[in-house]
Amino acid sequence: MQHLHTSLRTRNIGVGHLRAFLAVARHLNFRAAAEELALTQSAVSRQIQALEGEIGVALFLRHTRAVELTSAGTQLLRAAEPSVERIDTAVRLVRQSAGRKLVSISTWASFASMWLIPRLESFQAQHPDIDIRIDATDVSVDLETSDVDLALRYATPTTISAQAERLFGEQLTPVASPWLLKAGGPLKKPKDLTQFTLIEAGDAYRSQHMEWLTWQRWLEAQGLKGLEPRRWLYFNYAHQIAQAALTGQGVALTRMPLIADSLANGSLVEVLPGTRLESPLAYWLLVGPRSAERPEIKAFCAWLRAQAQTTRETIGEI
């Protein structure tokens, strides 16, 4: 009997009891958990007892009218809850995409909102049978093991994977809304920036490469180290910086590839066009090895390369 208990407690637990555990942990009540799961209260109780038997410790303290998680139960809850949620999400996606063509893309939020999403309509018009899923995150994904087909990333050539394909580089340039320029003082030369609010990335100083996005770099390049504007305005994301400039809150130092469309339609103006600063960072495409040969992935990558070519031409990159 001792050998049997030892074997039970060293092998992986059966996942079937985890839903009962999560339901009881949510409600801290066996009856409410049973109603959620459409089971009898005794059935839920048996599943919890079986799970505790497999693990070898109590997960709940049973009081007369209440249930309380033990420290072991709390530890299991922290691990089980997000894991089961991920499984449920994956199952939903599998069901939704069954028999359909799907391209799953990982990129960061600013690039998705400022560059990718505004262009997606043309791809959908060309390929109405292909579904698109965008996962906006700053966390790099493993394309060999995840369910993501391709990733769009922002990095220097020395920090990106050797398998990455370069889409375009970037320049940094000061921009502002036309009506801010009409309402404010003259802005003919870099020194005139002292009369304006300057907008920049608040977290750019945290790394050597991202420091290229700062006004300090740009001002040093113009021989204006130490120039102080009327005030500073900081944001964490490129799309926030662009939005602040669009609404006339100041002059923003922006990435040319991300605001090229706004310059083209006149909603933003490049205030000092002869002072663009070359950045060592570039935009890259990474394709998962398990996805590369699928027709829908090839179609999306071909479309993406065409869009990248247009961007290179717009920003004047040879």
Protein backbone atom coordinates (compact mmCIF):
# COMPACT_ATOMS: atom_id res chain seq x y z
CA MET A 1 0.00 0.00 0.00
CA GLN A 2 2.88 2.36 0.83
CA HIS A 3 4.40 1.64 -2.59
CA LEU A 4 1.08 2.48 -4.25
CA HIS A 5 0.86 5.86 -2.47
CA THR A 6 4.49 6.65 -3.37
CA SER A 7 3.81 5.88 -7.04
CA LEU A 8 0.71 8.07 -7.04
CA ARG A 9 2.60 11.02 -5.61
CA THR A 10 5.54 10.92 -8.02
CA ARG A 11 3.70 10.62 -11.33
CA ASN A 12 2.00 13.53 -13.12
CA ILE A 13 -1.53 14.23 -11.93
CA GLY A 14 -4.57 13.65 -14.10
CA VAL A 15 -5.70 16.99 -15.52
CA GLY A 16 -9.39 16.06 -15.41
CA HIS A 17 -9.69 17.05 -11.74
CA LEU A 18 -8.19 20.51 -12.27
CA ARG A 19 -11.44 22.05 -13.50
CA ALA A 20 -13.19 20.94 -10.32
CA PHE A 21 -10.31 22.36 -8.30
CA LEU A 22 -10.45 25.72 -10.15
CA ALA A 23 -14.23 25.96 -9.73
CA VAL A 24 -14.03 25.33 -5.99
CA ALA A 25 -11.10 27.75 -5.68
CA ARG A 26 -13.09 30.46 -7.47
CA HIS A 27 -16.23 30.10 -5.39
CA LEU A 28 -14.74 28.69 -2.17
CA ASN A 29 -17.95 26.71 -2.09
CA PHE A 30 -18.55 23.14 -3.25
CA ARG A 31 -22.22 23.69 -4.07
CA ALA A 32 -21.54 26.75 -6.25
CA ALA A 33 -18.72 24.90 -7.99
CA ALA A 34 -21.02 21.96 -8.66
CA GLU A 35 -23.62 24.28 -10.22
CA GLU A 36 -20.98 25.83 -12.47
CA LEU A 37 -19.77 22.43 -13.64
CA ALA A 38 -23.28 20.91 -13.89
CA LEU A 39 -22.24 18.11 -11.50
CA THR A 40 -23.49 16.94 -8.14
CA GLN A 41 -21.80 18.30 -5.06
CA SER A 42 -20.63 14.83 -4.09
CA ALA A 43 -19.06 14.34 -7.54
CA VAL A 44 -17.06 17.55 -7.16
CA SER A 45 -16.04 16.54 -3.65
CA ARG A 46 -14.81 13.15 -4.92
CA GLN A 47 -12.75 14.83 -7.64
CA ILE A 48 -11.10 17.14 -5.12
CA GLN A 49 -10.37 14.21 -2.80
CA ALA A 50 -8.88 12.26 -5.69
CA LEU A 51 -6.68 15.22 -6.65
CA GLU A 52 -5.51 15.65 -3.06
CA GLY A 53 -4.77 11.94 -2.94
CA GLU A 54 -2.66 12.12 -6.08
CA ILE A 55 -0.73 15.17 -4.88
CA GLY A 56 -0.42 13.96 -1.32
CA VAL A 57 -1.51 17.13 0.50
CA ALA A 58 -4.76 18.89 1.35
CA LEU A 59 -5.73 21.70 -1.04
CA PHE A 60 -8.66 23.05 0.96
CA LEU A 61 -9.54 23.53 4.60
CA ARG A 62 -13.18 22.43 5.07
CA HIS A 63 -15.09 24.50 7.59
CA THR A 64 -18.75 24.11 8.51
CA ARG A 65 -20.03 26.68 6.05
CA ALA A 66 -16.93 27.75 4.18
CA VAL A 67 -13.94 26.42 2.26
CA GLU A 68 -10.46 27.91 2.43
CA LEU A 69 -7.41 27.30 0.23
CA THR A 70 -4.35 25.89 1.94
CA SER A 71 -0.91 27.23 1.03
CA ALA A 72 -0.48 24.22 -1.28
CA GLY A 73 -3.85 24.96 -2.88
CA THR A 74 -2.87 28.59 -3.44
CA GLN A 75 0.37 27.49 -5.08
CA LEU A 76 -1.45 25.09 -7.38
CA LEU A 77 -4.06 27.72 -8.24
CA ARG A 78 -1.38 30.18 -9.39
CA ALA A 79 0.00 27.61 -11.81
CA ALA A 80 -3.20 25.89 -12.92
CA GLU A 81 -5.43 28.89 -13.62
CA PRO A 82 -3.34 30.55 -16.38
CA SER A 83 -2.43 27.14 -17.83
CA VAL A 84 -6.04 26.04 -18.20
CA GLU A 85 -6.94 29.45 -19.64
CA ARG A 86 -4.22 29.06 -22.28
CA ILE A 87 -5.49 25.60 -23.15
CA ASP A 88 -9.05 26.91 -23.49
CA THR A 89 -7.85 29.76 -25.69
CA ALA A 90 -5.90 27.37 -27.90
CA VAL A 91 -8.90 25.07 -28.24
CA ARG A 92 -11.13 28.00 -29.24
CA LEU A 93 -8.63 29.06 -31.88
CA VAL A 94 -8.32 25.50 -33.20
CA ARG A 95 -12.10 25.22 -33.46
CA GLN A 96 -12.43 28.62 -35.13
CA SER A 97 -9.68 27.92 -37.64
CA ALA A 98 -10.70 24.36 -38.48
CA GLY A 99 -10.83 24.17 -42.25
CA ARG A 100 -9.77 27.83 -42.59
CA LYS A 101 -6.51 29.50 -43.57
CA LEU A 102 -4.99 31.53 -40.75
CA VAL A 103 -1.88 33.71 -40.45
CA SER A 104 -0.82 34.38 -36.86
CA ILE A 105 1.49 37.36 -36.35
CA SER A 106 3.44 38.51 -33.31
CA THR A 107 4.60 42.13 -33.15
CA TRP A 108 4.65 45.07 -30.74
CA ALA A 109 1.66 47.32 -30.19
CA SER A 110 2.95 50.54 -31.77
CA PHE A 111 4.03 48.84 -34.98
CA ALA A 112 0.73 46.99 -35.20
CA SER A 113 -1.38 50.13 -34.75
CA MET A 114 0.75 52.56 -36.75
CA TRP A 115 2.06 50.47 -39.66
CA LEU A 116 0.53 47.01 -39.98
CA ILE A 117 -3.18 47.45 -39.26
CA PRO A 118 -3.69 50.51 -41.53
CA ARG A 119 -2.36 48.43 -44.44
CA LEU A 120 -4.18 45.17 -43.73
CA GLU A 121 -7.27 46.10 -45.72
CA SER A 122 -5.36 45.71 -48.97
CA PHE A 123 -4.26 42.19 -48.02
CA GLN A 124 -7.79 41.24 -47.03
CA ALA A 125 -9.07 42.55 -50.34
CA GLN A 126 -6.56 40.38 -52.20
CA HIS A 127 -7.04 37.31 -49.99
CA PRO A 128 -10.56 37.31 -48.48
CA ASP A 129 -10.23 33.62 -47.58
CA ILE A 130 -7.28 34.14 -45.19
CA ASP A 131 -7.89 35.01 -41.55
CA ILE A 132 -5.41 37.19 -39.64
CA ARG A 133 -4.59 37.04 -35.93
CA ILE A 134 -2.29 39.70 -34.42
CA ASP A 135 -0.72 39.18 -31.01
CA ALA A 136 0.65 42.57 -29.90
CA THR A 137 3.38 41.99 -27.35
CA ASP A 138 6.89 43.19 -26.52
CA VAL A 139 7.85 39.66 -25.49
CA SER A 140 9.70 37.64 -28.11
CA VAL A 141 8.06 34.33 -29.00
CA ASP A 142 9.71 31.06 -29.95
CA LEU A 143 8.51 30.43 -33.50
CA GLU A 144 9.63 26.79 -33.33
CA THR A 145 7.31 25.90 -30.46
CA SER A 146 4.52 28.52 -30.39
CA ASP A 147 1.39 28.73 -32.52
CA VAL A 148 2.64 32.00 -34.07
CA ASP A 149 3.54 31.85 -37.77
CA LEU A 150 5.69 34.94 -38.10
CA ALA A 151 7.08 37.79 -36.04
CA LEU A 152 7.78 41.41 -36.90
CA ARG A 153 10.55 42.80 -34.75
CA TYR A 154 12.56 45.98 -34.11
CA ALA A 155 16.26 45.49 -33.45
CA THR A 156 19.83 46.19 -34.52
CA PRO A 157 21.47 43.82 -37.03
CA THR A 158 23.74 42.44 -34.31
CA THR A 159 20.87 41.48 -31.97
CA ILE A 160 18.42 39.93 -34.43
CA SER A 161 18.42 36.29 -35.55
CA ALA A 162 20.49 35.42 -38.60
CA GLN A 163 17.30 34.06 -40.19
CA ALA A 164 15.55 37.44 -40.00
CA GLU A 165 14.75 39.34 -43.19
CA ARG A 166 15.26 43.11 -43.09
CA LEU A 167 12.18 45.05 -44.16
CA PHE A 168 13.40 48.64 -43.77
CA GLY A 169 15.54 50.85 -41.60
CA GLU A 170 14.59 54.15 -40.04
CA GLN A 171 15.41 57.78 -39.55
CA LEU A 172 14.30 60.00 -36.69
CA THR A 173 12.76 63.37 -37.46
CA PRO A 174 10.91 66.14 -35.58
CA VAL A 175 7.23 66.48 -36.50
CA ALA A 176 4.26 68.56 -35.38
CA SER A 177 0.66 69.22 -36.30
CA PRO A 178 0.11 72.05 -38.84
CA TRP A 179 -2.15 74.01 -36.50
CA LEU A 180 0.44 73.92 -33.69
CA LEU A 181 2.91 75.54 -36.07
CA LYS A 182 0.35 78.22 -36.96
CA ALA A 183 -0.44 78.96 -33.31
CA GLY A 184 3.13 78.77 -32.01
CA GLY A 185 6.18 80.84 -32.72
CA PRO A 186 8.45 80.41 -35.75
CA LEU A 187 10.18 77.06 -36.16
CA LYS A 188 12.75 77.59 -38.88
CA LYS A 189 15.89 76.29 -37.20
CA PRO A 190 16.68 73.79 -34.42
CA LYS A 191 17.25 76.54 -31.82
CA ASP A 192 13.60 77.57 -32.19
CA LEU A 193 12.60 74.38 -30.37
CA THR A 194 13.14 76.24 -27.07
CA GLN A 195 9.69 77.79 -27.61
CA PHE A 196 7.89 74.43 -27.82
CA THR A 197 7.05 71.37 -25.76
CA LEU A 198 9.19 68.42 -26.83
CA ILE A 199 7.70 64.91 -26.83
CA GLU A 200 9.81 61.77 -26.61
CA ALA A 201 9.96 58.16 -25.40
CA GLY A 202 10.11 58.14 -21.61
CA ASP A 203 11.82 54.75 -21.36
CA ALA A 204 14.34 55.21 -24.19
CA TYR A 205 17.24 55.84 -21.78
CA ARG A 206 16.97 52.34 -20.32
CA SER A 207 19.05 50.73 -23.08
CA GLN A 208 21.92 51.78 -25.27
CA HIS A 209 20.16 51.15 -28.57
CA MET A 210 16.83 52.74 -27.61
CA GLU A 211 18.71 55.89 -26.60
CA TRP A 212 18.79 56.69 -30.28
CA LEU A 213 15.11 57.63 -29.97
CA THR A 214 15.84 60.54 -27.63
CA TRP A 215 15.93 64.25 -28.27
CA GLN A 216 19.34 64.29 -26.56
CA ARG A 217 20.84 62.30 -29.43
CA TRP A 218 19.18 64.50 -32.03
CA LEU A 219 20.17 67.75 -30.32
CA GLU A 220 23.78 66.61 -29.98
CA ALA A 221 23.81 65.85 -33.72
CA GLN A 222 22.69 69.45 -34.35
CA GLY A 223 25.36 70.85 -32.03
CA LEU A 224 22.74 71.91 -29.49
CA LYS A 225 23.63 69.82 -26.46
CA GLY A 226 21.93 71.24 -23.37
CA LEU A 227 19.07 72.98 -25.18
CA GLU A 228 16.02 73.19 -22.92
CA PRO A 229 12.49 73.39 -24.34
CA ARG A 230 9.48 75.09 -22.79
CA ARG A 231 8.56 71.73 -21.22
CA TRP A 232 8.98 67.98 -21.70
CA LEU A 233 6.26 65.39 -22.37
CA TYR A 234 7.10 61.67 -22.08
CA PHE A 235 5.26 58.56 -23.28
CA ASN A 236 6.16 54.87 -23.30
CA TYR A 237 4.87 53.94 -26.75
CA ALA A 238 5.48 55.29 -30.24
CA HIS A 239 1.75 55.47 -31.04
CA GLN A 240 1.22 57.63 -27.92
CA ILE A 241 3.98 59.99 -29.03
CA ALA A 242 2.44 60.29 -32.50
CA GLN A 243 -1.04 60.84 -31.06
CA ALA A 244 0.23 63.63 -28.81
CA ALA A 245 1.84 65.30 -31.83
CA LEU A 246 -1.32 64.88 -33.91
CA THR A 247 -3.36 66.64 -31.23
CA GLY A 248 -0.94 69.57 -31.10
CA GLN A 249 0.61 68.92 -27.70
CA GLY A 250 4.15 69.53 -28.86
CA VAL A 251 6.92 68.63 -31.28
CA ALA A 252 7.71 64.91 -31.34
CA LEU A 253 10.86 63.10 -32.35
CA THR A 254 9.37 60.23 -34.35
CA ARG A 255 10.37 57.21 -36.40
CA MET A 256 9.94 57.92 -40.10
CA PRO A 257 8.53 54.50 -41.09
CA LEU A 258 5.77 54.77 -38.50
CA ILE A 259 4.58 58.29 -39.35
CA ALA A 260 5.20 58.32 -43.12
CA ASP A 261 1.46 58.05 -43.83
CA SER A 262 0.68 60.97 -41.52
CA LEU A 263 3.28 63.07 -43.32
CA ALA A 264 1.85 62.06 -46.69
CA ASN A 265 -1.72 63.06 -45.78
CA GLY A 266 -0.64 66.30 -44.09
CA SER A 267 -1.84 65.53 -40.56
CA LEU A 268 1.78 65.86 -39.42
CA VAL A 269 4.50 68.13 -40.79
CA GLU A 270 8.23 67.41 -40.79
CA VAL A 271 9.35 70.68 -39.23
CA LEU A 272 13.10 70.47 -39.90
CA PRO A 273 13.44 68.08 -42.85
CA GLY A 274 17.16 68.62 -43.30
CA THR A 275 17.94 67.28 -39.83
CA ARG A 276 16.93 63.63 -40.03
CA LEU A 277 19.00 61.35 -37.79
CA GLU A 278 19.92 57.86 -39.01
CA SER A 279 19.07 55.11 -36.51
CA PRO A 280 20.98 51.81 -36.13
CA LEU A 281 17.65 50.03 -35.55
CA ALA A 282 15.63 48.35 -38.28
CA TYR A 283 12.40 46.41 -38.81
CA TRP A 284 12.61 42.67 -39.44
CA LEU A 285 10.52 39.69 -40.53
CA LEU A 286 10.96 36.28 -38.91
CA VAL A 287 9.03 33.28 -40.28
CA GLY A 288 8.46 30.15 -38.22
CA PRO A 289 10.10 27.05 -39.72
CA ARG A 290 6.89 25.02 -39.43
CA SER A 291 4.89 27.71 -41.24
CA ALA A 292 7.16 28.84 -44.07
CA GLU A 293 5.82 26.52 -46.78
CA ARG A 294 2.12 27.10 -46.21
CA PRO A 295 0.53 28.98 -49.15
CA GLU A 296 -1.18 31.55 -46.93
CA ILE A 297 2.13 32.37 -45.20
CA LYS A 298 3.87 32.78 -48.55
CA ALA A 299 1.05 35.06 -49.72
CA PHE A 300 1.24 37.22 -46.61
CA CYS A 301 5.03 37.50 -46.75
CA ALA A 302 4.89 38.51 -50.43
CA TRP A 303 2.35 41.21 -49.58
CA LEU A 304 4.46 42.32 -46.60
CA ARG A 305 7.57 42.68 -48.78
CA ALA A 306 5.63 44.83 -51.24
CA GLN A 307 4.42 47.07 -48.40
CA ALA A 308 7.97 47.30 -47.05
CA GLN A 309 9.22 48.35 -50.49
CA THR A 310 6.65 51.16 -50.55
CA THR A 311 7.78 52.28 -47.10
CA ARG A 312 11.44 52.29 -48.18
CA GLU A 313 10.54 54.49 -51.12
CA THR A 314 8.43 56.81 -48.94
CA ILE A 315 11.19 57.42 -46.41
CA GLY A 316 13.84 57.72 -49.11
CA GLU A 317 15.76 54.56 -48.22
CA ILE A 318 17.75 53.16 -51.12
